[in-house]
Amino acid sequence: MKSLIGWGVKPVDSHVNDKNDKAWSLKEKLFLGLTPGQYLGQALRNPFNWILGIIFAVGLPLIAYRYLFGLGAVTHASNDYPWGLFLGFGLFVMVPLSASGFMLGTTVEIFGRHDFEPIERLALLNGLLGYFFAVVYLLIDLGQPWRLPYPMFVSFGPAAVLFLVAWHVATYLSVQIAEVSVSFFEWIGWLGGKRFIRSIAIGLTVAGIILSTLHQGALGALFNYAPGKVHPLWYSSFQWILFFCSSIPAGLCMVIVVSTIVKKTMAWRCDSNFSDNLDRCTLGLAKGASMALITYLIIKLIAIAHDNEWGYLATGWGAWYLLEMAVGVVLPIILFAYALRHQIVKVARLGAVITVFGIALNRLNTALITFNWQLYQEIPHIFEVIIAVTIFAIYVVVYRFLLYRLPILYSWKASPQEALAAETARPAPARTTPSPAGAMYRKID
């Protein structure tokens, strides 16, 4: 794509082609303003697409094989280990990494921090796709996706944590689709839909806060059903708040990681508003992530002290626990502190990568590695690994497809008619009369 832009090809960023003043067709928008030959050529020249092609060639038939012959054909699932990578990674890791949506939405829409607007849409899209593919992993594990509504509408189980998680994820997905739809409505030119979503943005954000907070904690509360299975160092009566607290740095750092990747690989799609403000926003997210990590570390120590599990730290599992905490929590805190003190963005990005790794390791430790720690260790089936990688590759492809097209990394250029309609729909500013007391604090030139 970079070479085509160097040859004078301009990607679609408005409804009108600047070269001939004609409206872009849907086909032209989907092909990014390229001819089919140009689009296919640039896709074949990208070596990453060949890697994805190999993954799909091996993984997609295995997904069909799983649905034809059952879960036992591709996993080592048993009564001792009821779940594997599909839930251990797909659900328990993807969900905290997708917590960016409600946090950046709250930051901008509720607290009025509009200086984070350049990355708000990226955070919302990250949250939507993360939750959506967590559901995809869940459907791969459960099978029979056409029966998905049964536990929600047919067989009610309001006393079950999974019932709570299912409803929260489903409703929060709807909220996130509505939040991200603003970009889609801009892309197709439906101003009415965009105005409607913007008019209910506060309500959507509040709903996202409630739903995401509850089910992030509910995933942790799920392990309280089996207090003897998870190793005591990873199990606590504080499990729900540990899962919620860890999701905050995970979501913020995932946005830092994704924004860094797109700046390097999709610079042609990033406008000046995104690129010029990214370093400042990255340091702001790093500050929030560092405070969340400190809170998480303190609660982890309180949990060990509360349950008096200090003795386990002297065992082999204790060494693994200390390694997880040192690498995944303490080291990022130090890196973030150094980056913020000296305003070094690269160090903050390194800390974000390590944080994402650390939170993912914690969830894998809780859900898989230390699960049934007194029994044998379960090794995932090779087919299970391939399918998990394939689903993640599909996630990357969908992520890239949307970033290429929707105004996430760039601002959509409105036509004169759209600008006039937007200006007409904007409420007039209220006229206020400053009080005599307030006049005392005004700056006088």
Protein backbone atom coordinates (compact mmCIF):
# COMPACT_ATOMS: atom_id res chain seq x y z
CA MET A 1 0.00 0.00 0.00
CA LYS A 2 2.87 2.37 0.72
CA SER A 3 4.26 1.91 -2.80
CA LEU A 4 0.86 2.59 -4.37
CA ILE A 5 0.50 5.78 -2.35
CA GLY A 6 3.98 6.76 -3.57
CA TRP A 7 2.69 6.35 -7.12
CA GLY A 8 -0.11 8.82 -6.46
CA VAL A 9 -2.93 6.48 -5.36
CA LYS A 10 -5.00 8.17 -2.66
CA PRO A 11 -6.86 5.94 -0.16
CA VAL A 12 -10.53 6.63 0.48
CA ASP A 13 -11.08 9.12 3.30
CA SER A 14 -14.25 10.89 2.12
CA HIS A 15 -17.38 10.22 0.09
CA VAL A 16 -16.08 12.08 -2.98
CA ASN A 17 -13.13 11.19 -5.20
CA ASP A 18 -10.97 14.31 -5.37
CA LYS A 19 -9.73 13.39 -8.85
CA ASN A 20 -13.10 13.41 -10.62
CA ASP A 21 -15.46 14.88 -7.97
CA LYS A 22 -17.63 11.75 -8.15
CA ALA A 23 -18.91 9.81 -5.16
CA TRP A 24 -17.02 6.64 -4.27
CA SER A 25 -19.03 3.48 -4.86
CA LEU A 26 -19.27 0.79 -2.18
CA LYS A 27 -16.95 -1.41 -4.23
CA GLU A 28 -14.37 1.36 -4.45
CA LYS A 29 -14.60 1.96 -0.71
CA LEU A 30 -14.08 -1.72 0.02
CA PHE A 31 -11.07 -1.81 -2.31
CA LEU A 32 -9.67 1.38 -0.69
CA GLY A 33 -9.91 3.32 -3.93
CA LEU A 34 -7.81 0.76 -5.80
CA THR A 35 -8.68 -1.30 -8.82
CA PRO A 36 -9.21 -5.02 -8.16
CA GLY A 37 -5.86 -5.73 -9.79
CA GLN A 38 -4.03 -3.18 -7.65
CA TYR A 39 -5.71 -4.45 -4.49
CA LEU A 40 -4.86 -8.10 -5.24
CA GLY A 41 -1.31 -7.18 -6.18
CA GLN A 42 -0.58 -5.30 -2.96
CA ALA A 43 -2.16 -8.14 -0.94
CA LEU A 44 0.07 -10.74 -2.61
CA ARG A 45 3.19 -8.63 -2.06
CA ASN A 46 2.60 -8.59 1.70
CA PRO A 47 4.51 -11.55 3.26
CA PHE A 48 2.29 -11.43 6.34
CA ASN A 49 -0.68 -12.42 4.16
CA TRP A 50 1.17 -15.56 3.07
CA ILE A 51 1.71 -16.51 6.70
CA LEU A 52 -2.01 -16.00 7.36
CA GLY A 53 -2.82 -18.09 4.30
CA ILE A 54 -0.78 -21.01 5.61
CA ILE A 55 -2.46 -20.76 9.02
CA PHE A 56 -5.93 -20.75 7.43
CA ALA A 57 -5.07 -23.63 5.10
CA VAL A 58 -4.26 -25.80 8.12
CA GLY A 59 -6.62 -24.37 10.74
CA LEU A 60 -9.93 -23.95 8.93
CA PRO A 61 -10.25 -27.66 8.04
CA LEU A 62 -9.49 -28.49 11.69
CA ILE A 63 -12.33 -26.22 12.83
CA ALA A 64 -14.68 -28.12 10.53
CA TYR A 65 -13.19 -31.38 11.86
CA ARG A 66 -13.97 -30.27 15.42
CA TYR A 67 -17.65 -29.65 14.59
CA LEU A 68 -17.95 -32.90 12.66
CA PHE A 69 -16.32 -35.22 15.21
CA GLY A 70 -16.72 -33.38 18.49
CA LEU A 71 -14.52 -31.66 21.04
CA GLY A 72 -12.72 -34.86 22.02
CA ALA A 73 -11.24 -35.16 18.54
CA VAL A 74 -9.19 -31.98 18.90
CA THR A 75 -8.64 -31.58 22.67
CA HIS A 76 -7.63 -33.57 25.74
CA ALA A 77 -10.71 -32.42 27.63
CA SER A 78 -11.80 -34.60 30.55
CA ASN A 79 -13.66 -34.41 33.84
CA ASP A 80 -10.37 -33.35 35.46
CA TYR A 81 -9.72 -30.62 32.87
CA PRO A 82 -13.07 -29.40 31.55
CA TRP A 83 -11.54 -26.59 29.49
CA GLY A 84 -8.36 -25.91 27.56
CA LEU A 85 -7.00 -23.14 25.36
CA PHE A 86 -10.37 -22.23 23.88
CA LEU A 87 -11.49 -20.89 27.25
CA GLY A 88 -8.15 -20.56 29.06
CA PHE A 89 -6.82 -18.23 26.36
CA GLY A 90 -9.84 -17.30 24.26
CA LEU A 91 -12.07 -16.23 27.15
CA PHE A 92 -9.96 -15.60 30.25
CA VAL A 93 -7.18 -13.77 28.34
CA MET A 94 -9.10 -12.01 25.55
CA VAL A 95 -11.68 -10.46 27.89
CA PRO A 96 -9.27 -8.48 30.12
CA LEU A 97 -7.29 -7.34 27.09
CA SER A 98 -10.54 -5.93 25.71
CA ALA A 99 -11.35 -3.77 28.73
CA SER A 100 -10.12 -0.68 26.87
CA GLY A 101 -13.55 0.20 25.51
CA PHE A 102 -15.31 1.10 28.72
CA MET A 103 -12.24 2.80 30.19
CA LEU A 104 -11.51 5.15 27.28
CA GLY A 105 -15.22 5.74 26.77
CA THR A 106 -15.51 6.73 30.42
CA THR A 107 -12.40 8.91 30.21
CA VAL A 108 -13.65 10.89 27.21
CA GLU A 109 -17.44 10.87 27.53
CA ILE A 110 -17.89 10.99 31.32
CA PHE A 111 -14.79 12.74 32.63
CA GLY A 112 -14.45 15.05 29.64
CA ARG A 113 -10.83 14.18 28.86
CA HIS A 114 -11.16 15.00 25.18
CA ASP A 115 -7.39 15.04 24.84
CA PHE A 116 -7.70 11.23 24.55
CA GLU A 117 -10.16 11.42 21.63
CA PRO A 118 -7.50 10.56 19.00
CA ILE A 119 -7.31 6.99 20.39
CA GLU A 120 -10.85 6.60 21.74
CA ARG A 121 -12.22 4.91 18.64
CA LEU A 122 -9.27 2.52 18.51
CA ALA A 123 -9.92 1.59 22.14
CA LEU A 124 -13.62 1.02 21.42
CA LEU A 125 -12.84 -1.18 18.41
CA ASN A 126 -10.28 -3.13 20.45
CA GLY A 127 -12.93 -3.79 23.08
CA LEU A 128 -15.58 -4.84 20.56
CA LEU A 129 -13.38 -7.28 18.64
CA GLY A 130 -11.85 -8.72 21.78
CA TYR A 131 -15.24 -9.53 23.29
CA PHE A 132 -16.64 -10.78 19.98
CA PHE A 133 -13.80 -13.24 19.45
CA ALA A 134 -13.97 -14.33 23.07
CA VAL A 135 -17.51 -15.44 22.19
CA VAL A 136 -16.16 -17.13 19.04
CA TYR A 137 -13.68 -19.11 21.16
CA LEU A 138 -16.53 -20.00 23.50
CA LEU A 139 -18.64 -21.28 20.59
CA ILE A 140 -15.72 -23.40 19.36
CA ASP A 141 -15.50 -24.94 22.82
CA LEU A 142 -19.23 -25.46 23.39
CA GLY A 143 -20.28 -26.48 19.89
CA GLN A 144 -23.84 -26.22 18.54
CA PRO A 145 -23.78 -22.40 18.20
CA TRP A 146 -27.45 -22.41 17.22
CA ARG A 147 -28.26 -23.32 20.83
CA LEU A 148 -26.48 -20.28 22.24
CA PRO A 149 -29.75 -18.57 23.31
CA TYR A 150 -30.85 -21.57 25.39
CA PRO A 151 -29.03 -20.76 28.67
CA MET A 152 -30.12 -17.15 28.33
CA PHE A 153 -33.77 -17.47 27.33
CA VAL A 154 -34.86 -21.11 27.74
CA SER A 155 -33.02 -22.59 30.74
CA PHE A 156 -32.73 -19.72 33.16
CA GLY A 157 -30.08 -20.05 35.87
CA PRO A 158 -30.02 -16.68 37.65
CA ALA A 159 -28.07 -18.14 40.59
CA ALA A 160 -25.16 -19.19 38.34
CA VAL A 161 -22.12 -16.98 37.69
CA LEU A 162 -21.95 -18.21 34.08
CA PHE A 163 -25.53 -17.03 33.55
CA LEU A 164 -24.45 -13.60 34.77
CA VAL A 165 -21.37 -13.58 32.53
CA ALA A 166 -23.38 -14.68 29.48
CA TRP A 167 -25.94 -11.92 29.85
CA HIS A 168 -23.34 -9.27 30.61
CA VAL A 169 -21.15 -10.19 27.63
CA ALA A 170 -24.15 -10.32 25.28
CA THR A 171 -25.55 -6.96 26.36
CA TYR A 172 -22.12 -5.33 26.49
CA LEU A 173 -21.40 -6.53 22.96
CA SER A 174 -24.56 -4.72 21.87
CA VAL A 175 -23.37 -1.56 23.62
CA GLN A 176 -19.96 -1.77 21.96
CA ILE A 177 -21.46 -2.35 18.52
CA ALA A 178 -23.51 0.82 19.01
CA GLU A 179 -20.42 2.79 20.11
CA VAL A 180 -18.30 1.66 17.15
CA SER A 181 -21.19 2.12 14.71
CA VAL A 182 -20.50 5.89 14.67
CA SER A 183 -17.45 5.19 12.50
CA PHE A 184 -19.46 2.88 10.25
CA PHE A 185 -22.21 5.46 9.81
CA GLU A 186 -19.60 8.05 8.80
CA TRP A 187 -18.16 5.59 6.30
CA ILE A 188 -21.51 4.89 4.61
CA GLY A 189 -22.69 8.50 4.93
CA TRP A 190 -25.70 8.02 7.24
CA LEU A 191 -25.66 11.18 9.30
CA GLY A 192 -28.94 10.39 11.02
CA GLY A 193 -27.56 7.21 12.54
CA LYS A 194 -24.42 8.99 13.70
CA ARG A 195 -26.43 11.79 15.34
CA PHE A 196 -28.64 9.27 17.13
CA ILE A 197 -25.71 7.32 18.58
CA ARG A 198 -23.99 10.53 19.65
CA SER A 199 -27.18 11.64 21.39
CA ILE A 200 -27.18 8.52 23.59
CA ALA A 201 -23.39 8.32 24.03
CA ILE A 202 -23.55 9.06 27.77
CA GLY A 203 -26.13 6.31 28.34
CA LEU A 204 -24.09 3.82 26.31
CA THR A 205 -20.96 4.70 28.26
CA VAL A 206 -22.67 4.29 31.64
CA ALA A 207 -24.13 0.94 30.53
CA GLY A 208 -20.65 -0.14 29.42
CA ILE A 209 -19.18 0.77 32.81
CA ILE A 210 -21.79 -1.25 34.69
CA LEU A 211 -21.75 -4.31 32.44
CA SER A 212 -17.99 -4.54 31.95
CA THR A 213 -17.21 -4.02 35.63
CA LEU A 214 -19.62 -6.75 36.66
CA HIS A 215 -18.56 -9.44 34.24
CA GLN A 216 -14.82 -8.78 34.56
CA GLY A 217 -15.24 -9.56 38.25
CA ALA A 218 -17.67 -12.40 37.57
CA LEU A 219 -15.01 -14.26 35.57
CA GLY A 220 -12.89 -14.30 38.71
CA ALA A 221 -15.82 -15.28 40.91
CA LEU A 222 -16.27 -18.32 38.67
CA PHE A 223 -13.21 -19.92 40.30
CA ASN A 224 -14.78 -19.58 43.74
CA TYR A 225 -16.92 -22.56 42.72
CA ALA A 226 -13.84 -24.81 42.98
CA PRO A 227 -11.68 -23.62 45.87
CA GLY A 228 -9.57 -26.75 45.97
CA LYS A 229 -8.64 -26.94 42.31
CA VAL A 230 -6.67 -23.73 41.74
CA HIS A 231 -3.36 -23.38 43.59
CA PRO A 232 -3.79 -21.25 46.75
CA LEU A 233 -1.38 -18.59 45.47
CA TRP A 234 -3.67 -17.97 42.49
CA TYR A 235 -6.92 -18.53 44.38
CA SER A 236 -8.42 -16.11 46.87
CA SER A 237 -11.72 -14.91 48.23
CA PHE A 238 -10.65 -11.64 46.56
CA GLN A 239 -10.66 -13.36 43.17
CA TRP A 240 -13.38 -11.16 41.67
CA ILE A 241 -11.64 -7.89 42.52
CA LEU A 242 -8.27 -9.25 41.39
CA PHE A 243 -9.72 -10.05 37.98
CA PHE A 244 -11.33 -6.63 37.74
CA CYS A 245 -8.20 -4.73 38.83
CA SER A 246 -5.96 -6.67 36.46
CA SER A 247 -8.28 -5.95 33.52
CA ILE A 248 -7.64 -2.19 33.84
CA PRO A 249 -3.88 -2.23 33.05
CA ALA A 250 -4.48 -5.05 30.56
CA GLY A 251 -6.97 -3.00 28.55
CA LEU A 252 -4.95 0.22 28.68
CA CYS A 253 -1.71 -1.52 27.72
CA MET A 254 -3.39 -3.42 24.91
CA VAL A 255 -4.33 -0.07 23.36
CA ILE A 256 -0.71 1.05 23.65
CA VAL A 257 0.48 -2.16 21.98
CA VAL A 258 -2.09 -2.00 19.16
CA SER A 259 -1.53 1.71 18.53
CA THR A 260 2.22 1.09 18.31
CA ILE A 261 1.70 -1.70 15.79
CA VAL A 262 -0.65 0.33 13.59
CA LYS A 263 1.68 3.34 13.66
CA LYS A 264 4.47 1.13 12.30
CA THR A 265 2.45 -0.96 9.84
CA MET A 266 -0.42 1.38 8.84
CA ALA A 267 1.22 4.78 8.83
CA TRP A 268 -0.43 5.50 5.49
CA ARG A 269 -3.85 5.22 7.19
CA CYS A 270 -3.03 7.34 10.27
CA ASP A 271 -3.77 11.03 9.94
CA SER A 272 -1.87 13.82 11.68
CA ASN A 273 -4.41 14.00 14.52
CA PHE A 274 -3.66 10.40 15.44
CA SER A 275 0.09 10.38 14.78
CA ASP A 276 0.89 13.74 16.40
CA ASN A 277 -1.01 12.95 19.59
CA LEU A 278 -0.11 9.28 19.96
CA ASP A 279 3.02 9.75 22.08
CA ARG A 280 1.20 12.06 24.51
CA CYS A 281 -1.76 9.66 24.76
CA THR A 282 0.60 6.72 25.24
CA LEU A 283 2.21 8.35 28.26
CA GLY A 284 -1.23 9.18 29.65
CA LEU A 285 -2.34 5.56 29.30
CA ALA A 286 0.93 4.41 30.87
CA LYS A 287 0.25 6.61 33.89
CA GLY A 288 -3.20 5.07 34.34
CA ALA A 289 -1.85 1.54 33.84
CA SER A 290 0.92 2.08 36.41
CA MET A 291 -1.56 3.20 39.07
CA ALA A 292 -3.77 0.20 38.32
CA LEU A 293 -0.79 -2.16 38.54
CA ILE A 294 0.20 -0.73 41.93
CA THR A 295 -3.36 -1.26 43.16
CA TYR A 296 -3.35 -4.80 41.77
CA LEU A 297 -0.02 -5.59 43.46
CA ILE A 298 -1.25 -4.35 46.84
CA ILE A 299 -4.45 -6.40 46.64
CA LYS A 300 -2.44 -9.50 45.66
CA LEU A 301 -0.32 -9.08 48.79
CA ILE A 302 -3.41 -8.51 50.93
CA ALA A 303 -4.97 -11.68 49.48
CA ILE A 304 -1.94 -13.77 50.45
CA ALA A 305 -1.85 -12.25 53.94
CA HIS A 306 -5.60 -12.68 54.40
CA ASP A 307 -5.45 -16.40 53.57
CA ASN A 308 -2.04 -16.85 55.26
CA GLU A 309 -0.47 -18.49 52.20
CA TRP A 310 3.07 -17.21 52.78
CA GLY A 311 4.43 -20.74 53.20
CA TYR A 312 3.68 -21.61 49.58
CA LEU A 313 6.18 -18.98 48.42
CA ALA A 314 9.02 -21.30 49.49
CA THR A 315 7.84 -24.06 47.09
CA GLY A 316 8.35 -24.51 43.36
CA TRP A 317 4.92 -23.07 42.68
CA GLY A 318 5.92 -20.12 44.86
CA ALA A 319 8.97 -19.48 42.67
CA TRP A 320 6.72 -19.52 39.59
CA TYR A 321 4.33 -17.11 41.33
CA LEU A 322 7.16 -14.73 42.28
CA LEU A 323 8.46 -14.84 38.71
CA GLU A 324 4.99 -13.94 37.39
CA MET A 325 4.70 -11.02 39.81
CA ALA A 326 8.26 -9.79 39.25
CA VAL A 327 8.10 -9.88 35.45
CA GLY A 328 4.41 -9.16 34.87
CA VAL A 329 3.74 -6.54 37.56
CA VAL A 330 6.82 -5.10 39.31
CA LEU A 331 8.96 -4.70 36.17
CA PRO A 332 6.24 -2.80 34.23
CA ILE A 333 5.71 -0.49 37.22
CA ILE A 334 9.43 0.35 37.21
CA LEU A 335 9.44 0.86 33.43
CA PHE A 336 6.35 3.08 33.53
CA ALA A 337 7.82 5.15 36.37
CA TYR A 338 11.05 5.67 34.42
CA ALA A 339 9.17 6.46 31.20
CA LEU A 340 6.89 9.01 32.87
CA ARG A 341 9.72 10.62 34.82
CA HIS A 342 11.87 11.08 31.71
CA GLN A 343 9.04 11.27 29.10
CA ILE A 344 10.43 8.33 27.10
CA VAL A 345 7.61 6.82 25.05
CA LYS A 346 9.57 3.75 23.89
CA VAL A 347 10.09 2.63 27.48
CA ALA A 348 6.37 3.06 28.17
CA ARG A 349 5.58 0.89 25.15
CA LEU A 350 7.99 -1.77 26.36
CA GLY A 351 6.27 -1.70 29.74
CA ALA A 352 2.90 -2.10 28.02
CA VAL A 353 4.06 -5.17 26.09
CA ILE A 354 5.36 -6.78 29.28
CA THR A 355 2.12 -5.92 31.12
CA VAL A 356 0.02 -7.61 28.43
CA PHE A 357 2.26 -10.65 28.70
CA GLY A 358 2.07 -10.61 32.51
CA ILE A 359 -1.73 -10.39 32.69
CA ALA A 360 -2.08 -13.09 30.03
CA LEU A 361 0.31 -15.31 32.00
CA ASN A 362 -1.69 -14.74 35.19
CA ARG A 363 -4.93 -15.77 33.50
CA LEU A 364 -3.32 -18.85 31.94
CA ASN A 365 -1.83 -19.77 35.30
CA THR A 366 -5.22 -19.44 37.00
CA ALA A 367 -7.29 -21.19 34.34
CA LEU A 368 -4.87 -23.84 33.05
CA ILE A 369 -1.38 -24.19 34.50
CA THR A 370 -2.19 -24.24 38.25
CA PHE A 371 -5.64 -25.72 37.74
CA ASN A 372 -5.67 -29.16 39.40
CA TRP A 373 -2.16 -28.45 40.66
CA GLN A 374 -2.24 -31.56 42.85
CA LEU A 375 -2.98 -33.81 39.85
CA TYR A 376 -1.19 -34.32 36.54
CA GLN A 377 -0.39 -31.44 34.18
CA GLU A 378 -2.54 -31.35 31.07
CA ILE A 379 -0.75 -30.61 27.78
CA PRO A 380 -3.03 -29.09 25.09
CA HIS A 381 -3.68 -31.16 21.99
CA ILE A 382 -1.77 -29.98 18.91
CA PHE A 383 -5.07 -29.56 17.06
CA GLU A 384 -6.32 -27.37 19.90
CA VAL A 385 -3.25 -25.14 19.60
CA ILE A 386 -3.67 -24.83 15.82
CA ILE A 387 -7.37 -23.95 16.10
CA ALA A 388 -6.64 -21.36 18.80
CA VAL A 389 -3.97 -19.77 16.59
CA THR A 390 -6.35 -19.84 13.61
CA ILE A 391 -9.11 -18.01 15.48
CA PHE A 392 -6.59 -15.41 16.63
CA ALA A 393 -5.40 -15.01 13.02
CA ILE A 394 -9.00 -14.37 11.96
CA TYR A 395 -9.19 -11.78 14.75
CA VAL A 396 -6.11 -10.04 13.31
CA VAL A 397 -7.53 -10.09 9.78
CA VAL A 398 -10.87 -8.59 10.87
CA TYR A 399 -9.04 -5.99 12.99
CA ARG A 400 -6.90 -4.97 10.01
CA PHE A 401 -9.85 -4.97 7.60
CA LEU A 402 -11.79 -2.50 9.76
CA LEU A 403 -8.79 -0.26 10.48
CA TYR A 404 -8.05 0.00 6.77
CA ARG A 405 -11.55 1.25 6.01
CA LEU A 406 -13.45 2.79 8.92
CA PRO A 407 -12.40 6.23 10.24
CA ILE A 408 -10.67 4.87 13.32
CA LEU A 409 -7.10 6.03 12.73
CA TYR A 410 -8.10 9.00 10.60
CA SER A 411 -10.85 11.62 10.49
CA TRP A 412 -13.50 11.29 7.81
CA LYS A 413 -13.61 14.31 5.54
CA ALA A 414 -17.20 15.49 5.39
CA SER A 415 -18.68 16.93 2.21
CA PRO A 416 -19.98 20.53 2.30
CA GLN A 417 -23.55 19.24 2.63
CA GLU A 418 -22.59 16.97 5.55
CA ALA A 419 -20.67 19.75 7.27
CA LEU A 420 -23.67 22.06 6.91
CA ALA A 421 -26.03 19.40 8.29
CA ALA A 422 -23.71 18.74 11.23
CA GLU A 423 -23.43 22.44 11.95
CA THR A 424 -27.21 22.82 11.79
CA ALA A 425 -27.74 19.89 14.17
CA ARG A 426 -25.25 21.26 16.69
CA PRO A 427 -27.00 23.07 19.54
CA ALA A 428 -26.25 26.76 19.93
CA PRO A 429 -23.95 27.58 22.83
CA ALA A 430 -25.72 28.93 25.87
CA ARG A 431 -25.15 32.59 26.64
CA THR A 432 -23.91 33.15 30.12
CA THR A 433 -23.35 36.28 32.10
CA PRO A 434 -20.25 36.17 34.29
CA SER A 435 -20.84 36.94 37.90
CA PRO A 436 -18.95 39.80 39.58
CA ALA A 437 -17.13 37.26 41.73
CA GLY A 438 -16.10 35.26 38.68
CA ALA A 439 -14.81 38.39 36.97
CA MET A 440 -12.19 38.72 39.71
CA TYR A 441 -10.45 35.56 38.42
CA ARG A 442 -10.42 36.48 34.73
CA LYS A 443 -7.12 37.29 33.18
CA ILE A 444 -6.89 40.93 32.17
CA ASP A 445 -4.50 41.75 29.34
